[in-house]
Amino acid sequence: MTILDSEYDTNVRAIIEITNITRYGFELILKTFNNTKQWGLKASWMACPAR
């Protein structure tokens, strides 16, 4: 997770899920739940070559 920006007076609840993983890619799902007021949520990924 590279950015997490939320309301200052509420609990922070964030979920990051990785689904549909193949050798060519995947899906990244970012979401919040309950009463979280989220202004920004960001994740990044970097590929590294196999050794």
C-alpha atoms as a PDB file:
ATOM      1  CA  MET A   1       0.000   0.000   0.000  1.00  0.00           C
ATOM      2  CA  THR A   2       1.501   3.337  -1.007  1.00  0.00           C
ATOM      3  CA  ILE A   3      -1.269   5.784  -0.017  1.00  0.00           C
ATOM      4  CA  LEU A   4      -3.852   5.623   2.754  1.00  0.00           C
ATOM      5  CA  ASP A   5      -5.789   8.855   3.272  1.00  0.00           C
ATOM      6  CA  SER A   6      -8.891   8.753   5.457  1.00  0.00           C
ATOM      7  CA  GLU A   7     -11.124  10.873   7.666  1.00  0.00           C
ATOM      8  CA  TYR A   8      -9.308  11.850  10.863  1.00  0.00           C
ATOM      9  CA  ASP A   9     -12.127  11.036  13.306  1.00  0.00           C
ATOM     10  CA  THR A  10     -13.176   7.539  12.107  1.00  0.00           C
ATOM     11  CA  ASN A  11     -11.602   4.089  12.224  1.00  0.00           C
ATOM     12  CA  VAL A  12      -9.515   3.119   9.211  1.00  0.00           C
ATOM     13  CA  ARG A  13     -10.536  -0.157   7.596  1.00  0.00           C
ATOM     14  CA  ALA A  14      -8.990  -1.170   4.284  1.00  0.00           C
ATOM     15  CA  ILE A  15      -8.763  -4.487   2.460  1.00  0.00           C
ATOM     16  CA  ILE A  16      -6.378  -5.347  -0.369  1.00  0.00           C
ATOM     17  CA  GLU A  17      -7.133  -8.545  -2.286  1.00  0.00           C
ATOM     18  CA  ILE A  18      -5.207 -10.150  -5.120  1.00  0.00           C
ATOM     19  CA  THR A  19      -7.322 -12.437  -7.297  1.00  0.00           C
ATOM     20  CA  ASN A  20      -7.237 -14.178 -10.679  1.00  0.00           C
ATOM     21  CA  ILE A  21      -3.479 -14.739 -10.546  1.00  0.00           C
ATOM     22  CA  THR A  22      -1.915 -16.087 -13.723  1.00  0.00           C
ATOM     23  CA  ARG A  23       1.573 -16.037 -15.155  1.00  0.00           C
ATOM     24  CA  TYR A  24       0.512 -12.972 -17.181  1.00  0.00           C
ATOM     25  CA  GLY A  25      -1.122 -10.839 -14.497  1.00  0.00           C
ATOM     26  CA  PHE A  26      -3.598 -10.532 -11.662  1.00  0.00           C
ATOM     27  CA  GLU A  27      -6.441  -8.367 -10.353  1.00  0.00           C
ATOM     28  CA  LEU A  28      -5.854  -6.055  -7.419  1.00  0.00           C
ATOM     29  CA  ILE A  29      -8.955  -5.052  -5.441  1.00  0.00           C
ATOM     30  CA  LEU A  30      -8.850  -2.154  -2.970  1.00  0.00           C
ATOM     31  CA  LYS A  31     -11.866  -1.569  -0.753  1.00  0.00           C
ATOM     32  CA  THR A  32     -13.063  -0.262   2.599  1.00  0.00           C
ATOM     33  CA  PHE A  33     -15.861  -1.370   4.894  1.00  0.00           C
ATOM     34  CA  ASN A  34     -18.170  -0.242   7.717  1.00  0.00           C
ATOM     35  CA  ASN A  35     -18.130   3.524   8.262  1.00  0.00           C
ATOM     36  CA  THR A  36     -14.649   4.240   6.889  1.00  0.00           C
ATOM     37  CA  LYS A  37     -14.426   7.556   5.059  1.00  0.00           C
ATOM     38  CA  GLN A  38     -11.635   7.008   2.567  1.00  0.00           C
ATOM     39  CA  TRP A  39     -10.223   9.851   0.468  1.00  0.00           C
ATOM     40  CA  GLY A  40      -7.407   7.884  -1.126  1.00  0.00           C
ATOM     41  CA  LEU A  41      -6.168   4.291  -1.232  1.00  0.00           C
ATOM     42  CA  LYS A  42      -3.419   3.216  -3.596  1.00  0.00           C
ATOM     43  CA  ALA A  43      -1.176   0.188  -4.032  1.00  0.00           C
ATOM     44  CA  SER A  44       1.741  -0.514  -6.331  1.00  0.00           C
ATOM     45  CA  TRP A  45       3.462  -3.619  -7.647  1.00  0.00           C
ATOM     46  CA  MET A  46       6.913  -4.259  -9.076  1.00  0.00           C
ATOM     47  CA  ALA A  47       7.905  -7.279 -11.140  1.00  0.00           C
ATOM     48  CA  CYS A  48      11.229  -8.920 -10.298  1.00  0.00           C
ATOM     49  CA  PRO A  49      12.910 -11.413 -12.608  1.00  0.00           C
ATOM     50  CA  ALA A  50      13.271 -15.016 -11.426  1.00  0.00           C
ATOM     51  CA  ARG A  51      16.798 -16.101 -10.619  1.00  0.00           C
END
